[in-house]
């Protein structure tokens, strides 16, 4: 059951909303009501909501069926030079996203609803980098209420990969937040645990 609500959207007005947001309170599975934003693209509107995640902290969930290939929402934030990105990462900022060879995007801003998307070794979304935007795109059809995930694509560093354990729960989870191309570099004990 949907009710119009004048409350502030969790995304704090994404640029793609164009100021034409419709806020709804969604009563799902007899749980507490949560707010969702209708994110408008030129041809598609996608509703998402923030809720407690079984993976980690809060997660971003589909508030409607989403078809494979749909641009769900952009990863937005301050565009900063790589050296500034390195400083912010050293200060503990976990919302930095590599944009290109010169810039990172600091997605810590409250307007960036995509910052709630958790990592998974078996994701339902992927990242599409254009010359101006980082898009979160559906890898497959996504059901209403399903948590949105993508592989964060961390690089393998033999000295520090264990600092980033994965809790996605996927059948083929490698145990760490790593790009899939690095999974074969993991020690055999990790690989045998993954397959068994």
C-alpha atoms as a PDB file:
ATOM      1  CA  UNK A   1       0.000   0.000   0.000  1.00  0.00           C
ATOM      2  CA  UNK A   2       1.490   3.359  -1.018  1.00  0.00           C
ATOM      3  CA  UNK A   3       0.816   6.734   0.589  1.00  0.00           C
ATOM      4  CA  UNK A   4       2.103  10.097  -0.591  1.00  0.00           C
ATOM      5  CA  UNK A   5       4.394  11.613   1.979  1.00  0.00           C
ATOM      6  CA  UNK A   6       5.908  15.098   2.157  1.00  0.00           C
ATOM      7  CA  UNK A   7       8.934  13.804   4.093  1.00  0.00           C
ATOM      8  CA  UNK A   8      12.466  14.321   2.799  1.00  0.00           C
ATOM      9  CA  UNK A   9      13.699  11.638   0.413  1.00  0.00           C
ATOM     10  CA  UNK A  10      16.647   9.484   1.561  1.00  0.00           C
ATOM     11  CA  UNK A  11      18.604  10.549  -1.521  1.00  0.00           C
ATOM     12  CA  UNK A  12      18.273  14.260  -0.677  1.00  0.00           C
ATOM     13  CA  UNK A  13      17.348  15.120  -4.275  1.00  0.00           C
ATOM     14  CA  UNK A  14      19.540  13.314  -6.749  1.00  0.00           C
ATOM     15  CA  UNK A  15      20.311  15.481  -9.783  1.00  0.00           C
ATOM     16  CA  UNK A  16      18.547  12.930 -11.978  1.00  0.00           C
ATOM     17  CA  UNK A  17      15.310  13.515 -10.035  1.00  0.00           C
ATOM     18  CA  UNK A  18      15.073  16.888 -11.793  1.00  0.00           C
ATOM     19  CA  UNK A  19      13.153  18.297  -8.859  1.00  0.00           C
ATOM     20  CA  UNK A  20      10.138  16.173  -9.779  1.00  0.00           C
ATOM     21  CA  UNK A  21      10.482  13.594  -7.008  1.00  0.00           C
ATOM     22  CA  UNK A  22       7.465  11.785  -5.687  1.00  0.00           C
ATOM     23  CA  UNK A  23       7.931  10.503  -2.160  1.00  0.00           C
ATOM     24  CA  UNK A  24       6.084   7.469  -1.008  1.00  0.00           C
ATOM     25  CA  UNK A  25       5.953   5.572   2.210  1.00  0.00           C
ATOM     26  CA  UNK A  26       6.169   1.882   1.472  1.00  0.00           C
ATOM     27  CA  UNK A  27       4.737  -0.615   3.917  1.00  0.00           C
ATOM     28  CA  UNK A  28       6.588  -3.841   3.103  1.00  0.00           C
ATOM     29  CA  UNK A  29       6.075  -7.263   4.598  1.00  0.00           C
ATOM     30  CA  UNK A  30       4.554  -5.730   7.749  1.00  0.00           C
ATOM     31  CA  UNK A  31       7.920  -4.166   8.567  1.00  0.00           C
ATOM     32  CA  UNK A  32       8.478  -0.547   9.462  1.00  0.00           C
ATOM     33  CA  UNK A  33       7.671   2.025   6.799  1.00  0.00           C
ATOM     34  CA  UNK A  34      10.614   3.266   4.760  1.00  0.00           C
ATOM     35  CA  UNK A  35      10.922   6.146   2.344  1.00  0.00           C
ATOM     36  CA  UNK A  36      11.773   5.614  -1.299  1.00  0.00           C
ATOM     37  CA  UNK A  37      12.676   8.052  -4.026  1.00  0.00           C
ATOM     38  CA  UNK A  38      11.503   7.833  -7.588  1.00  0.00           C
ATOM     39  CA  UNK A  39      14.722   8.434  -9.505  1.00  0.00           C
ATOM     40  CA  UNK A  40      13.907   9.862 -12.930  1.00  0.00           C
ATOM     41  CA  UNK A  41      15.939   9.256 -16.036  1.00  0.00           C
ATOM     42  CA  UNK A  42      14.774  10.548 -19.421  1.00  0.00           C
ATOM     43  CA  UNK A  43      12.941   7.317 -20.147  1.00  0.00           C
ATOM     44  CA  UNK A  44      12.960   5.232 -16.957  1.00  0.00           C
ATOM     45  CA  UNK A  45      12.127   5.877 -13.334  1.00  0.00           C
ATOM     46  CA  UNK A  46      13.548   3.513 -10.739  1.00  0.00           C
ATOM     47  CA  UNK A  47      12.424   3.382  -7.122  1.00  0.00           C
ATOM     48  CA  UNK A  48      14.948   2.341  -4.472  1.00  0.00           C
ATOM     49  CA  UNK A  49      15.021   2.419  -0.677  1.00  0.00           C
ATOM     50  CA  UNK A  50      17.573   2.175   2.120  1.00  0.00           C
ATOM     51  CA  UNK A  51      17.136  -0.534   4.746  1.00  0.00           C
ATOM     52  CA  UNK A  52      19.136  -2.776   7.094  1.00  0.00           C
ATOM     53  CA  UNK A  53      21.225  -5.226   5.078  1.00  0.00           C
ATOM     54  CA  UNK A  54      22.136  -8.848   5.866  1.00  0.00           C
ATOM     55  CA  UNK A  55      25.514  -8.132   4.180  1.00  0.00           C
ATOM     56  CA  UNK A  56      26.698  -5.056   6.088  1.00  0.00           C
ATOM     57  CA  UNK A  57      25.041  -2.087   7.810  1.00  0.00           C
ATOM     58  CA  UNK A  58      22.514  -0.418   5.550  1.00  0.00           C
ATOM     59  CA  UNK A  59      21.883  -1.505   1.978  1.00  0.00           C
ATOM     60  CA  UNK A  60      20.026  -0.209  -1.061  1.00  0.00           C
ATOM     61  CA  UNK A  61      16.993  -2.199  -2.178  1.00  0.00           C
ATOM     62  CA  UNK A  62      14.798  -2.231  -5.278  1.00  0.00           C
ATOM     63  CA  UNK A  63      11.314  -0.860  -4.600  1.00  0.00           C
ATOM     64  CA  UNK A  64      10.077  -2.263  -7.922  1.00  0.00           C
ATOM     65  CA  UNK A  65      10.992  -4.859 -10.534  1.00  0.00           C
ATOM     66  CA  UNK A  66      14.105  -3.749 -12.495  1.00  0.00           C
ATOM     67  CA  UNK A  67      14.938  -5.151 -15.926  1.00  0.00           C
ATOM     68  CA  UNK A  68      18.416  -6.288 -16.953  1.00  0.00           C
ATOM     69  CA  UNK A  69      20.426  -3.429 -18.488  1.00  0.00           C
ATOM     70  CA  UNK A  70      18.489  -0.657 -16.710  1.00  0.00           C
ATOM     71  CA  UNK A  71      20.536   2.298 -15.483  1.00  0.00           C
ATOM     72  CA  UNK A  72      19.358   2.355 -11.889  1.00  0.00           C
ATOM     73  CA  UNK A  73      21.085   5.447 -10.504  1.00  0.00           C
ATOM     74  CA  UNK A  74      24.365   7.369 -10.717  1.00  0.00           C
ATOM     75  CA  UNK A  75      27.162   7.233  -8.141  1.00  0.00           C
ATOM     76  CA  UNK A  76      27.503  10.952  -7.422  1.00  0.00           C
ATOM     77  CA  UNK A  77      29.870  13.072  -5.393  1.00  0.00           C
ATOM     78  CA  UNK A  78      32.731  15.512  -5.488  1.00  0.00           C
ATOM     79  CA  UNK A  79      35.191  14.993  -8.366  1.00  0.00           C
ATOM     80  CA  UNK A  80      38.668  15.151  -6.814  1.00  0.00           C
ATOM     81  CA  UNK A  81      42.247  14.655  -8.079  1.00  0.00           C
ATOM     82  CA  UNK A  82      43.917  11.297  -7.319  1.00  0.00           C
ATOM     83  CA  UNK A  83      46.280  12.783  -4.702  1.00  0.00           C
ATOM     84  CA  UNK A  84      43.316  14.209  -2.766  1.00  0.00           C
ATOM     85  CA  UNK A  85      41.559  10.851  -3.086  1.00  0.00           C
ATOM     86  CA  UNK A  86      44.597   9.129  -1.549  1.00  0.00           C
ATOM     87  CA  UNK A  87      44.526  11.578   1.381  1.00  0.00           C
ATOM     88  CA  UNK A  88      40.826  11.009   2.015  1.00  0.00           C
ATOM     89  CA  UNK A  89      41.252   7.247   1.794  1.00  0.00           C
ATOM     90  CA  UNK A  90      44.065   7.438   4.382  1.00  0.00           C
ATOM     91  CA  UNK A  91      41.667   9.425   6.603  1.00  0.00           C
ATOM     92  CA  UNK A  92      39.163   6.542   6.456  1.00  0.00           C
ATOM     93  CA  UNK A  93      36.768   7.697   3.738  1.00  0.00           C
ATOM     94  CA  UNK A  94      35.221   4.493   2.342  1.00  0.00           C
ATOM     95  CA  UNK A  95      33.085   6.155  -0.352  1.00  0.00           C
ATOM     96  CA  UNK A  96      35.848   6.892  -2.881  1.00  0.00           C
ATOM     97  CA  UNK A  97      35.279   5.586  -6.384  1.00  0.00           C
ATOM     98  CA  UNK A  98      37.909   5.516  -9.133  1.00  0.00           C
ATOM     99  CA  UNK A  99      36.533   7.575 -12.020  1.00  0.00           C
ATOM    100  CA  UNK A 100      39.505   7.650 -14.395  1.00  0.00           C
ATOM    101  CA  UNK A 101      43.312   7.979 -14.357  1.00  0.00           C
ATOM    102  CA  UNK A 102      43.145  11.576 -13.086  1.00  0.00           C
ATOM    103  CA  UNK A 103      40.102  11.737 -10.817  1.00  0.00           C
ATOM    104  CA  UNK A 104      38.174   9.928  -8.108  1.00  0.00           C
ATOM    105  CA  UNK A 105      34.606  10.555  -6.995  1.00  0.00           C
ATOM    106  CA  UNK A 106      34.079  11.143  -3.259  1.00  0.00           C
ATOM    107  CA  UNK A 107      30.594   9.739  -2.764  1.00  0.00           C
ATOM    108  CA  UNK A 108      30.351  10.594   0.928  1.00  0.00           C
ATOM    109  CA  UNK A 109      27.717  13.257   0.213  1.00  0.00           C
ATOM    110  CA  UNK A 110      24.224  12.593   1.557  1.00  0.00           C
ATOM    111  CA  UNK A 111      22.858  13.085  -1.962  1.00  0.00           C
ATOM    112  CA  UNK A 112      24.598   9.874  -3.089  1.00  0.00           C
ATOM    113  CA  UNK A 113      22.057   7.115  -2.484  1.00  0.00           C
ATOM    114  CA  UNK A 114      24.315   4.677  -4.391  1.00  0.00           C
ATOM    115  CA  UNK A 115      26.771   4.770  -1.454  1.00  0.00           C
ATOM    116  CA  UNK A 116      24.464   2.286   0.309  1.00  0.00           C
ATOM    117  CA  UNK A 117      25.077  -0.446  -2.290  1.00  0.00           C
ATOM    118  CA  UNK A 118      27.046  -3.302  -0.727  1.00  0.00           C
ATOM    119  CA  UNK A 119      29.653  -5.561  -2.327  1.00  0.00           C
ATOM    120  CA  UNK A 120      28.825  -9.077  -3.483  1.00  0.00           C
ATOM    121  CA  UNK A 121      30.866 -11.797  -5.153  1.00  0.00           C
ATOM    122  CA  UNK A 122      27.668 -12.654  -7.085  1.00  0.00           C
ATOM    123  CA  UNK A 123      26.283  -9.168  -7.809  1.00  0.00           C
ATOM    124  CA  UNK A 124      23.033  -8.192  -9.502  1.00  0.00           C
ATOM    125  CA  UNK A 125      24.472  -4.850 -10.707  1.00  0.00           C
ATOM    126  CA  UNK A 126      27.610  -3.584 -12.373  1.00  0.00           C
ATOM    127  CA  UNK A 127      29.252  -0.217 -12.838  1.00  0.00           C
ATOM    128  CA  UNK A 128      29.146   1.565 -16.190  1.00  0.00           C
ATOM    129  CA  UNK A 129      31.634   4.433 -16.484  1.00  0.00           C
ATOM    130  CA  UNK A 130      30.763   7.060 -19.074  1.00  0.00           C
ATOM    131  CA  UNK A 131      32.861  10.139 -19.762  1.00  0.00           C
ATOM    132  CA  UNK A 132      30.781  12.124 -17.260  1.00  0.00           C
ATOM    133  CA  UNK A 133      28.971   9.702 -14.957  1.00  0.00           C
ATOM    134  CA  UNK A 134      29.340   6.492 -12.968  1.00  0.00           C
ATOM    135  CA  UNK A 135      26.123   4.491 -13.461  1.00  0.00           C
ATOM    136  CA  UNK A 136      24.875   1.512 -11.491  1.00  0.00           C
ATOM    137  CA  UNK A 137      23.302  -0.852 -14.044  1.00  0.00           C
ATOM    138  CA  UNK A 138      21.264  -4.036 -13.552  1.00  0.00           C
ATOM    139  CA  UNK A 139      23.262  -7.135 -14.600  1.00  0.00           C
ATOM    140  CA  UNK A 140      20.117  -9.248 -14.575  1.00  0.00           C
ATOM    141  CA  UNK A 141      16.435  -8.836 -13.775  1.00  0.00           C
ATOM    142  CA  UNK A 142      16.042  -7.702 -10.146  1.00  0.00           C
ATOM    143  CA  UNK A 143      12.949  -8.377  -8.056  1.00  0.00           C
ATOM    144  CA  UNK A 144      11.066  -5.900  -5.888  1.00  0.00           C
ATOM    145  CA  UNK A 145      12.643  -5.932  -2.403  1.00  0.00           C
ATOM    146  CA  UNK A 146      15.974  -7.423  -3.542  1.00  0.00           C
ATOM    147  CA  UNK A 147      19.159  -5.810  -2.255  1.00  0.00           C
ATOM    148  CA  UNK A 148      21.258  -4.115  -4.949  1.00  0.00           C
ATOM    149  CA  UNK A 149      24.909  -5.220  -5.026  1.00  0.00           C
ATOM    150  CA  UNK A 150      27.949  -4.919  -7.238  1.00  0.00           C
ATOM    151  CA  UNK A 151      31.509  -6.238  -7.041  1.00  0.00           C
ATOM    152  CA  UNK A 152      33.645  -3.408  -5.653  1.00  0.00           C
ATOM    153  CA  UNK A 153      36.551  -4.674  -7.766  1.00  0.00           C
ATOM    154  CA  UNK A 154      39.338  -4.202  -5.231  1.00  0.00           C
ATOM    155  CA  UNK A 155      42.786  -5.052  -6.529  1.00  0.00           C
ATOM    156  CA  UNK A 156      44.745  -7.923  -5.031  1.00  0.00           C
ATOM    157  CA  UNK A 157      47.535  -6.969  -2.632  1.00  0.00           C
ATOM    158  CA  UNK A 158      49.038 -10.057  -0.950  1.00  0.00           C
ATOM    159  CA  UNK A 159      49.821  -7.984   2.155  1.00  0.00           C
ATOM    160  CA  UNK A 160      46.402  -6.420   2.697  1.00  0.00           C
ATOM    161  CA  UNK A 161      43.591  -8.328   0.938  1.00  0.00           C
ATOM    162  CA  UNK A 162      42.706 -10.012   4.255  1.00  0.00           C
ATOM    163  CA  UNK A 163      41.835  -6.579   5.678  1.00  0.00           C
ATOM    164  CA  UNK A 164      38.700  -6.619   3.481  1.00  0.00           C
ATOM    165  CA  UNK A 165      36.659  -9.744   4.322  1.00  0.00           C
ATOM    166  CA  UNK A 166      33.464 -10.318   2.368  1.00  0.00           C
ATOM    167  CA  UNK A 167      30.170 -11.165   4.083  1.00  0.00           C
ATOM    168  CA  UNK A 168      27.965 -11.368   0.977  1.00  0.00           C
ATOM    169  CA  UNK A 169      26.933 -14.977   1.574  1.00  0.00           C
ATOM    170  CA  UNK A 170      27.043 -15.887  -2.121  1.00  0.00           C
ATOM    171  CA  UNK A 171      27.596 -19.566  -2.923  1.00  0.00           C
ATOM    172  CA  UNK A 172      30.808 -18.722  -4.791  1.00  0.00           C
ATOM    173  CA  UNK A 173      31.988 -16.017  -2.348  1.00  0.00           C
ATOM    174  CA  UNK A 174      35.781 -15.813  -2.390  1.00  0.00           C
ATOM    175  CA  UNK A 175      35.822 -14.585   1.214  1.00  0.00           C
ATOM    176  CA  UNK A 176      37.290 -11.177   0.399  1.00  0.00           C
ATOM    177  CA  UNK A 177      36.239  -8.001  -1.402  1.00  0.00           C
ATOM    178  CA  UNK A 178      38.235  -8.588  -4.588  1.00  0.00           C
ATOM    179  CA  UNK A 179      37.647  -8.266  -8.303  1.00  0.00           C
ATOM    180  CA  UNK A 180      36.890 -11.729  -9.677  1.00  0.00           C
ATOM    181  CA  UNK A 181      39.986 -11.638 -11.917  1.00  0.00           C
ATOM    182  CA  UNK A 182      42.120 -11.933  -8.728  1.00  0.00           C
ATOM    183  CA  UNK A 183      40.343 -14.892  -7.135  1.00  0.00           C
ATOM    184  CA  UNK A 184      42.851 -17.395  -8.576  1.00  0.00           C
ATOM    185  CA  UNK A 185      45.658 -15.511  -6.788  1.00  0.00           C
ATOM    186  CA  UNK A 186      44.235 -16.357  -3.365  1.00  0.00           C
ATOM    187  CA  UNK A 187      46.087 -19.004  -1.343  1.00  0.00           C
ATOM    188  CA  UNK A 188      44.867 -22.601  -1.912  1.00  0.00           C
ATOM    189  CA  UNK A 189      43.275 -22.775   1.571  1.00  0.00           C
ATOM    190  CA  UNK A 190      41.009 -19.860   0.649  1.00  0.00           C
ATOM    191  CA  UNK A 191      40.201 -21.420  -2.731  1.00  0.00           C
ATOM    192  CA  UNK A 192      39.321 -24.815  -1.225  1.00  0.00           C
ATOM    193  CA  UNK A 193      37.078 -23.127   1.374  1.00  0.00           C
ATOM    194  CA  UNK A 194      35.362 -21.261  -1.465  1.00  0.00           C
ATOM    195  CA  UNK A 195      34.597 -24.414  -3.462  1.00  0.00           C
ATOM    196  CA  UNK A 196      33.532 -26.548  -0.512  1.00  0.00           C
END
